[in-house]
Amino acid sequence: MDATARRDALAQRLFEASLGTMELCAVYLGDRLGLYGALRRLGGATVRELAAATGTQERYVREWLEQQAVAGVLDATADADARTRRYTLPDGHDDVLLDPDHLSHLVPVVRMVIGGVPIASRLVEAFKTGEGIPWSAYGADVIEGQAGQNRPAFLRQLGQEWLPAVPDLHARLLADPPARVADVACGGGWSSIGIARAYPRVRVDGFDLDEHSIALAQEHVKAAGLTERVNMAVRDAGDPTLSGRYDLVTIFEALHDMSQPVAVLTKARGLLAAGGCVLVMDERVAEQFTAPGDTIERLMYGFSVLCCLPVGLADQPSEGTGTVMRPATLDAYAKRAGFARSEVLPIEHEMFRFYRLIP
């Protein structure tokens, strides 16, 4: 491709990305204002009906509805009169926009992307100073979006597909005496809930240092009716009173965010009882850098620049891992943490790679 063609292709790509960003903002509004939910409840609505049902102003709602119909998110009747035109949520779109347990649900990702926009000005300064940005600074949309984006997979796949793909681990979680699991960096607690639901004998302790995340997790555990077997706490996994208690320690999509992953893995190893192991789930990035990269690689680098690397640099000293933690990097961290070996598990997923660390 010559220089002119590459220029035009880049210009078109950035234009489409700008359009996509604006459409994400509109989806964010539809979610936060309850507009999609009201459309589903009403079975379709006019501008006036939707505004009345959601306590919003008609002129804003009209513009939003028209934008959503033009973008193909909603269906609209052919009425020329904007007052009588009816809008409906197409079949299947509710899975993406309204069902938090559906594997196609993407609103939490939208919340993360839009919620991260205000941090851009801090990133400009961080690039100059080298300082990080703490996770708490990203705010509720990012923190809650992170918790929500993996919720469907943790509830529908973790205990039904992923863990059963490791026969000896699956058997231990089903056996007596009841296994104990430490879910390190548990976030909103959906991974802990998913394990407890799938394995009714297991007891799970979820640890995280972010108070907002643990507050969410405690609400989720209570709503799931699992408070007798699942405990969420703001607690460091290195607490010496926890040493040797656990048959399984999990770290789901969090190790790459940590300033000192080797220290965390060392603490995780200390939590293990005899015969226990550590399970790490992290991003399924390419095994080596290649440019240009595929969609997954582009996505992970996007998250890394905007969130994961700044969070990882917030505490010093830091490994500065970033989202794109390749298998060789994880293996090196595990060896430095004193594990005898690490292995990539035969669990297939387009986004995640699973590692078992053996002490």
Protein backbone atom coordinates (compact mmCIF):
# COMPACT_ATOMS: atom_id res chain seq x y z
CA MET A 1 0.00 0.00 0.00
CA ASP A 2 1.45 3.37 -0.99
CA ALA A 3 1.70 6.40 1.28
CA THR A 4 -1.48 8.03 -0.02
CA ALA A 5 -3.54 4.90 0.47
CA ARG A 6 -2.18 4.42 3.98
CA ARG A 7 -2.93 8.05 4.82
CA ASP A 8 -6.51 7.76 3.59
CA ALA A 9 -7.02 4.45 5.37
CA LEU A 10 -5.81 5.94 8.66
CA ALA A 11 -8.01 9.01 8.26
CA GLN A 12 -11.03 6.78 7.60
CA ARG A 13 -10.18 4.56 10.55
CA LEU A 14 -9.89 7.49 12.96
CA PHE A 15 -13.13 8.96 11.64
CA GLU A 16 -14.92 5.66 12.25
CA ALA A 17 -13.35 5.40 15.70
CA SER A 18 -14.58 8.91 16.54
CA LEU A 19 -18.06 7.96 15.37
CA GLY A 20 -17.89 4.79 17.45
CA THR A 21 -16.86 6.75 20.52
CA MET A 22 -19.85 9.06 20.17
CA GLU A 23 -22.14 6.06 19.78
CA LEU A 24 -20.65 4.53 22.93
CA CYS A 25 -21.47 7.74 24.77
CA ALA A 26 -25.09 7.44 23.63
CA VAL A 27 -25.23 3.82 24.81
CA TYR A 28 -23.81 4.95 28.15
CA LEU A 29 -26.65 7.48 28.48
CA GLY A 30 -29.23 4.86 27.58
CA ASP A 31 -27.90 2.56 30.27
CA ARG A 32 -27.44 5.09 33.06
CA LEU A 33 -30.81 6.79 32.47
CA GLY A 34 -32.73 3.52 32.25
CA LEU A 35 -33.93 4.25 28.72
CA TYR A 36 -33.29 0.76 27.36
CA GLY A 37 -34.95 -0.90 30.32
CA ALA A 38 -38.03 1.30 29.98
CA LEU A 39 -38.31 0.53 26.26
CA ARG A 40 -38.28 -3.17 27.06
CA ARG A 41 -40.86 -2.82 29.83
CA LEU A 42 -43.15 -0.71 27.66
CA GLY A 43 -42.73 -2.89 24.58
CA GLY A 44 -41.83 0.25 22.62
CA ALA A 45 -42.60 3.92 23.18
CA THR A 46 -42.99 7.36 21.71
CA VAL A 47 -40.75 10.20 22.81
CA ARG A 48 -43.33 11.44 25.31
CA GLU A 49 -44.01 7.98 26.72
CA LEU A 50 -40.33 7.21 27.24
CA ALA A 51 -39.59 10.60 28.81
CA ALA A 52 -42.51 10.19 31.20
CA ALA A 53 -41.45 6.66 32.14
CA THR A 54 -37.87 7.66 32.93
CA GLY A 55 -38.27 11.15 34.38
CA THR A 56 -36.26 12.71 31.57
CA GLN A 57 -36.83 15.70 29.29
CA GLU A 58 -38.61 15.12 25.98
CA ARG A 59 -36.27 17.16 23.77
CA TYR A 60 -33.21 15.28 24.96
CA VAL A 61 -35.01 11.95 24.70
CA ARG A 62 -36.15 12.70 21.15
CA GLU A 63 -32.60 13.39 20.02
CA TRP A 64 -31.32 10.25 21.74
CA LEU A 65 -34.04 8.06 20.23
CA GLU A 66 -33.43 9.42 16.74
CA GLN A 67 -29.68 8.92 17.11
CA GLN A 68 -30.18 5.36 18.33
CA ALA A 69 -32.49 4.55 15.42
CA VAL A 70 -30.13 6.10 12.86
CA ALA A 71 -27.27 4.07 14.40
CA GLY A 72 -29.33 0.87 14.15
CA VAL A 73 -29.47 0.25 17.89
CA LEU A 74 -33.26 0.76 17.98
CA ASP A 75 -36.02 0.20 15.46
CA ALA A 76 -38.41 3.04 14.58
CA THR A 77 -41.73 3.24 12.78
CA ALA A 78 -41.91 5.29 9.59
CA ASP A 79 -44.05 8.10 11.03
CA ALA A 80 -43.02 11.48 9.68
CA ASP A 81 -44.28 13.12 12.86
CA ALA A 82 -41.62 12.80 15.58
CA ARG A 83 -44.35 12.93 18.23
CA THR A 84 -46.09 9.75 17.08
CA ARG A 85 -43.06 7.76 15.93
CA ARG A 86 -42.56 4.62 18.05
CA TYR A 87 -39.21 3.12 18.97
CA THR A 88 -38.52 -0.47 19.99
CA LEU A 89 -35.59 -2.55 21.16
CA PRO A 90 -34.91 -5.24 18.52
CA ASP A 91 -34.88 -8.89 19.56
CA GLY A 92 -31.40 -9.85 20.73
CA HIS A 93 -30.28 -6.31 21.49
CA ASP A 94 -31.58 -6.71 25.03
CA ASP A 95 -28.97 -9.44 25.61
CA VAL A 96 -26.22 -6.96 24.78
CA LEU A 97 -27.71 -3.96 26.56
CA LEU A 98 -29.77 -5.25 29.49
CA ASP A 99 -28.89 -8.79 30.58
CA PRO A 100 -25.88 -8.63 32.96
CA ASP A 101 -25.47 -12.42 32.95
CA HIS A 102 -25.50 -12.89 29.17
CA LEU A 103 -22.15 -13.65 27.53
CA SER A 104 -22.92 -10.98 24.89
CA HIS A 105 -23.54 -8.25 27.48
CA LEU A 106 -21.19 -5.35 26.70
CA VAL A 107 -22.51 -2.40 28.70
CA PRO A 108 -19.84 -2.84 31.42
CA VAL A 109 -17.15 -2.41 28.76
CA VAL A 110 -18.92 0.73 27.56
CA ARG A 111 -18.94 2.04 31.13
CA MET A 112 -15.22 1.34 31.44
CA VAL A 113 -14.34 3.12 28.20
CA ILE A 114 -16.49 6.19 28.82
CA GLY A 115 -15.64 6.28 32.51
CA GLY A 116 -11.96 6.32 31.64
CA VAL A 117 -12.17 9.39 29.40
CA PRO A 118 -11.86 11.95 32.25
CA ILE A 119 -8.53 10.40 33.24
CA ALA A 120 -6.94 11.48 29.94
CA SER A 121 -5.70 14.79 31.31
CA ARG A 122 -3.96 12.97 34.17
CA LEU A 123 -2.36 10.61 31.68
CA VAL A 124 -0.78 13.55 29.86
CA GLU A 125 1.00 14.50 33.07
CA ALA A 126 1.79 10.88 33.96
CA PHE A 127 3.59 10.43 30.65
CA LYS A 128 5.77 13.42 31.54
CA THR A 129 6.47 12.53 35.16
CA GLY A 130 6.46 8.73 35.01
CA GLU A 131 4.07 8.59 37.95
CA GLY A 132 1.17 6.16 38.03
CA ILE A 133 -2.54 6.68 38.65
CA PRO A 134 -4.19 4.70 41.47
CA TRP A 135 -7.11 2.43 40.62
CA SER A 136 -9.40 4.39 42.96
CA ALA A 137 -8.90 7.52 40.82
CA TYR A 138 -10.68 5.93 37.87
CA GLY A 139 -14.05 6.21 39.56
CA ALA A 140 -17.22 4.16 39.82
CA ASP A 141 -17.84 3.65 36.11
CA VAL A 142 -14.47 2.03 35.53
CA ILE A 143 -14.41 0.04 38.78
CA GLU A 144 -17.99 -1.21 38.38
CA GLY A 145 -17.51 -1.77 34.66
CA GLN A 146 -14.48 -3.93 35.37
CA ALA A 147 -16.50 -5.96 37.85
CA GLY A 148 -19.36 -6.36 35.42
CA GLN A 149 -17.50 -7.19 32.24
CA ASN A 150 -16.41 -10.66 33.42
CA ARG A 151 -19.57 -11.38 35.43
CA PRO A 152 -21.25 -13.55 32.74
CA ALA A 153 -18.13 -15.64 32.17
CA PHE A 154 -17.50 -16.14 35.89
CA LEU A 155 -21.10 -17.20 36.50
CA ARG A 156 -21.61 -19.28 33.35
CA GLN A 157 -18.20 -20.65 32.39
CA LEU A 158 -15.79 -20.64 35.34
CA GLY A 159 -17.35 -23.54 37.26
CA GLN A 160 -19.09 -25.15 34.28
CA GLU A 161 -16.29 -25.23 31.68
CA TRP A 162 -12.96 -23.81 32.82
CA LEU A 163 -12.32 -25.52 36.15
CA PRO A 164 -13.80 -28.89 35.02
CA ALA A 165 -11.20 -28.83 32.20
CA VAL A 166 -8.56 -29.47 34.91
CA PRO A 167 -9.70 -32.91 36.20
CA ASP A 168 -7.62 -33.15 39.38
CA LEU A 169 -8.48 -29.61 40.46
CA HIS A 170 -12.16 -30.16 39.63
CA ALA A 171 -12.17 -33.36 41.71
CA ARG A 172 -10.60 -31.63 44.71
CA LEU A 173 -13.19 -28.85 44.62
CA LEU A 174 -15.97 -31.46 44.72
CA ALA A 175 -14.40 -33.62 47.44
CA ASP A 176 -14.34 -33.72 51.22
CA PRO A 177 -13.01 -32.25 53.36
CA PRO A 178 -14.36 -29.07 51.74
CA ALA A 179 -11.72 -27.23 49.74
CA ARG A 180 -10.76 -23.68 50.69
CA VAL A 181 -10.19 -21.12 47.97
CA ALA A 182 -8.51 -17.73 48.24
CA ASP A 183 -9.62 -15.40 45.45
CA VAL A 184 -6.88 -12.77 45.40
CA ALA A 185 -7.77 -9.38 43.86
CA CYS A 186 -11.39 -10.53 43.73
CA GLY A 187 -12.79 -7.17 42.60
CA GLY A 188 -16.59 -7.25 42.55
CA GLY A 189 -16.62 -10.85 43.72
CA TRP A 190 -18.20 -12.55 40.71
CA SER A 191 -15.37 -15.08 40.42
CA SER A 192 -15.83 -16.05 44.08
CA ILE A 193 -19.56 -16.39 43.57
CA GLY A 194 -19.06 -18.45 40.41
CA ILE A 195 -16.79 -20.91 42.23
CA ALA A 196 -19.12 -21.20 45.21
CA ARG A 197 -22.16 -21.81 43.03
CA ALA A 198 -20.43 -24.51 41.01
CA TYR A 199 -18.90 -26.27 44.02
CA PRO A 200 -21.38 -26.35 46.92
CA ARG A 201 -18.87 -27.67 49.48
CA VAL A 202 -16.20 -25.07 48.84
CA ARG A 203 -15.52 -22.05 51.06
CA VAL A 204 -14.14 -18.96 49.33
CA ASP A 205 -12.33 -15.98 50.84
CA GLY A 206 -12.07 -13.00 48.51
CA PHE A 207 -9.34 -10.43 49.13
CA ASP A 208 -8.86 -7.01 47.54
CA LEU A 209 -7.24 -3.79 48.66
CA ASP A 210 -9.83 -1.57 46.91
CA GLU A 211 -12.62 -0.65 49.34
CA HIS A 212 -15.14 0.22 46.61
CA SER A 213 -14.64 -3.18 44.98
CA ILE A 214 -15.07 -5.07 48.26
CA ALA A 215 -18.22 -3.11 49.10
CA LEU A 216 -19.63 -4.18 45.72
CA ALA A 217 -18.50 -7.76 46.31
CA GLN A 218 -20.20 -7.94 49.69
CA GLU A 219 -23.46 -6.72 48.14
CA HIS A 220 -23.19 -9.29 45.36
CA VAL A 221 -22.46 -12.16 47.76
CA LYS A 222 -25.40 -11.20 49.97
CA ALA A 223 -27.74 -11.00 46.97
CA ALA A 224 -26.52 -14.44 45.84
CA GLY A 225 -27.33 -15.92 49.26
CA LEU A 226 -23.77 -17.15 49.79
CA THR A 227 -22.64 -15.28 52.89
CA GLU A 228 -22.15 -18.53 54.85
CA ARG A 229 -19.54 -19.83 52.40
CA VAL A 230 -18.12 -16.71 50.74
CA ASN A 231 -16.36 -13.97 52.66
CA MET A 232 -15.16 -10.72 51.08
CA ALA A 233 -12.60 -8.54 52.87
CA VAL A 234 -10.22 -5.65 52.36
CA ARG A 235 -7.13 -7.64 53.22
CA ASP A 236 -3.60 -8.22 52.05
CA ALA A 237 -2.99 -11.78 50.87
CA GLY A 238 0.32 -11.63 52.71
CA ASP A 239 -1.39 -11.63 56.11
CA PRO A 240 0.65 -14.29 57.99
CA THR A 241 -2.47 -15.63 59.74
CA LEU A 242 -3.65 -16.96 56.34
CA SER A 243 -0.54 -19.00 55.66
CA GLY A 244 -1.07 -22.60 54.55
CA ARG A 245 -4.88 -22.47 54.59
CA TYR A 246 -5.89 -22.88 50.97
CA ASP A 247 -6.16 -25.70 48.45
CA LEU A 248 -6.51 -23.23 45.58
CA VAL A 249 -5.46 -19.62 45.18
CA THR A 250 -6.87 -17.75 42.19
CA ILE A 251 -5.83 -14.49 40.57
CA PHE A 252 -8.26 -13.63 37.79
CA GLU A 253 -7.28 -10.94 35.27
CA ALA A 254 -5.40 -8.93 37.86
CA LEU A 255 -1.74 -9.95 38.01
CA HIS A 256 -0.73 -7.67 35.14
CA ASP A 257 -2.20 -4.67 37.05
CA MET A 258 -0.01 -5.23 40.10
CA SER A 259 3.04 -3.14 40.79
CA GLN A 260 4.90 -6.09 42.33
CA PRO A 261 3.54 -9.30 40.75
CA VAL A 262 6.44 -11.40 42.02
CA ALA A 263 5.74 -10.37 45.60
CA VAL A 264 2.03 -11.13 45.12
CA LEU A 265 2.81 -14.57 43.68
CA THR A 266 5.16 -15.23 46.59
CA LYS A 267 2.35 -14.36 49.01
CA ALA A 268 -0.03 -16.58 47.01
CA ARG A 269 2.40 -19.48 47.32
CA GLY A 270 2.49 -18.92 51.07
CA LEU A 271 -1.28 -19.29 51.25
CA LEU A 272 -1.21 -22.83 49.89
CA ALA A 273 -1.81 -25.95 51.90
CA ALA A 274 0.07 -29.14 50.95
CA GLY A 275 -0.91 -30.21 47.45
CA GLY A 276 -2.45 -26.84 46.59
CA CYS A 277 -1.81 -24.72 43.51
CA VAL A 278 -2.24 -21.21 42.19
CA LEU A 279 -4.47 -20.56 39.18
CA VAL A 280 -3.83 -17.37 37.19
CA MET A 281 -6.17 -16.18 34.46
CA ASP A 282 -4.81 -13.35 32.36
CA GLU A 283 -5.12 -11.99 28.85
CA ARG A 284 -4.60 -14.29 25.84
CA VAL A 285 -2.15 -11.97 24.13
CA ALA A 286 0.24 -13.11 21.43
CA GLU A 287 3.33 -14.97 22.58
CA GLN A 288 5.55 -12.32 21.04
CA PHE A 289 5.24 -8.75 19.80
CA THR A 290 4.02 -8.45 16.22
CA ALA A 291 2.98 -5.28 14.41
CA PRO A 292 0.37 -4.73 13.23
CA GLY A 293 -1.45 -6.94 15.72
CA ASP A 294 -4.85 -8.61 15.73
CA THR A 295 -8.01 -7.28 17.40
CA ILE A 296 -7.21 -8.82 20.78
CA GLU A 297 -3.74 -7.32 20.80
CA ARG A 298 -5.12 -3.91 19.86
CA LEU A 299 -7.73 -4.13 22.62
CA MET A 300 -5.22 -5.12 25.27
CA TYR A 301 -2.75 -2.40 24.35
CA GLY A 302 -5.63 0.09 24.45
CA PHE A 303 -6.52 -0.96 27.99
CA SER A 304 -2.85 -0.94 28.93
CA VAL A 305 -2.13 2.63 27.82
CA LEU A 306 -5.29 4.05 29.35
CA CYS A 307 -5.60 2.07 32.57
CA CYS A 308 -3.56 -1.01 33.43
CA LEU A 309 -0.05 0.38 33.06
CA PRO A 310 -0.81 3.64 34.95
CA VAL A 311 -2.43 1.61 37.75
CA GLY A 312 0.56 -0.72 37.86
CA LEU A 313 2.93 2.24 38.15
CA ALA A 314 0.98 3.87 40.99
CA ASP A 315 3.06 2.10 43.64
CA GLN A 316 6.83 2.06 43.40
CA PRO A 317 8.98 0.11 42.88
CA SER A 318 7.01 -1.42 40.01
CA GLU A 319 7.59 -4.06 37.35
CA GLY A 320 5.51 -1.92 34.99
CA THR A 321 3.95 -4.98 33.38
CA GLY A 322 0.91 -3.54 31.61
CA THR A 323 -1.99 -5.52 30.18
CA VAL A 324 0.12 -7.31 27.58
CA MET A 325 1.71 -9.88 29.88
CA ARG A 326 3.03 -12.59 27.58
CA PRO A 327 3.46 -16.22 28.74
CA ALA A 328 7.23 -15.90 29.05
CA THR A 329 6.80 -12.94 31.40
CA LEU A 330 4.37 -14.84 33.62
CA ASP A 331 6.69 -17.84 33.69
CA ALA A 332 9.61 -15.64 34.74
CA TYR A 333 7.53 -14.05 37.52
CA ALA A 334 6.50 -17.50 38.78
CA LYS A 335 10.10 -18.72 38.93
CA ARG A 336 11.22 -15.61 40.79
CA ALA A 337 8.35 -16.21 43.26
CA GLY A 338 9.71 -19.66 44.05
CA PHE A 339 7.33 -21.87 42.08
CA ALA A 340 8.81 -25.10 40.77
CA ARG A 341 6.98 -24.82 37.47
CA SER A 342 4.12 -23.16 35.63
CA GLU A 343 1.96 -24.62 32.90
CA VAL A 344 -0.56 -23.25 30.44
CA LEU A 345 -3.81 -25.13 30.98
CA PRO A 346 -5.89 -26.63 28.14
CA ILE A 347 -8.75 -24.18 28.59
CA GLU A 348 -9.93 -22.58 25.37
CA HIS A 349 -11.08 -18.97 25.41
CA GLU A 350 -10.49 -16.22 22.88
CA MET A 351 -9.73 -13.59 25.53
CA PHE A 352 -8.07 -15.42 28.41
CA ARG A 353 -5.13 -17.76 29.03
CA PHE A 354 -4.99 -19.92 32.15
CA TYR A 355 -1.83 -20.84 34.06
CA ARG A 356 -1.34 -23.30 36.91
CA LEU A 357 1.60 -22.59 39.19
CA ILE A 358 3.00 -25.53 41.12
CA PRO A 359 5.09 -24.86 44.29
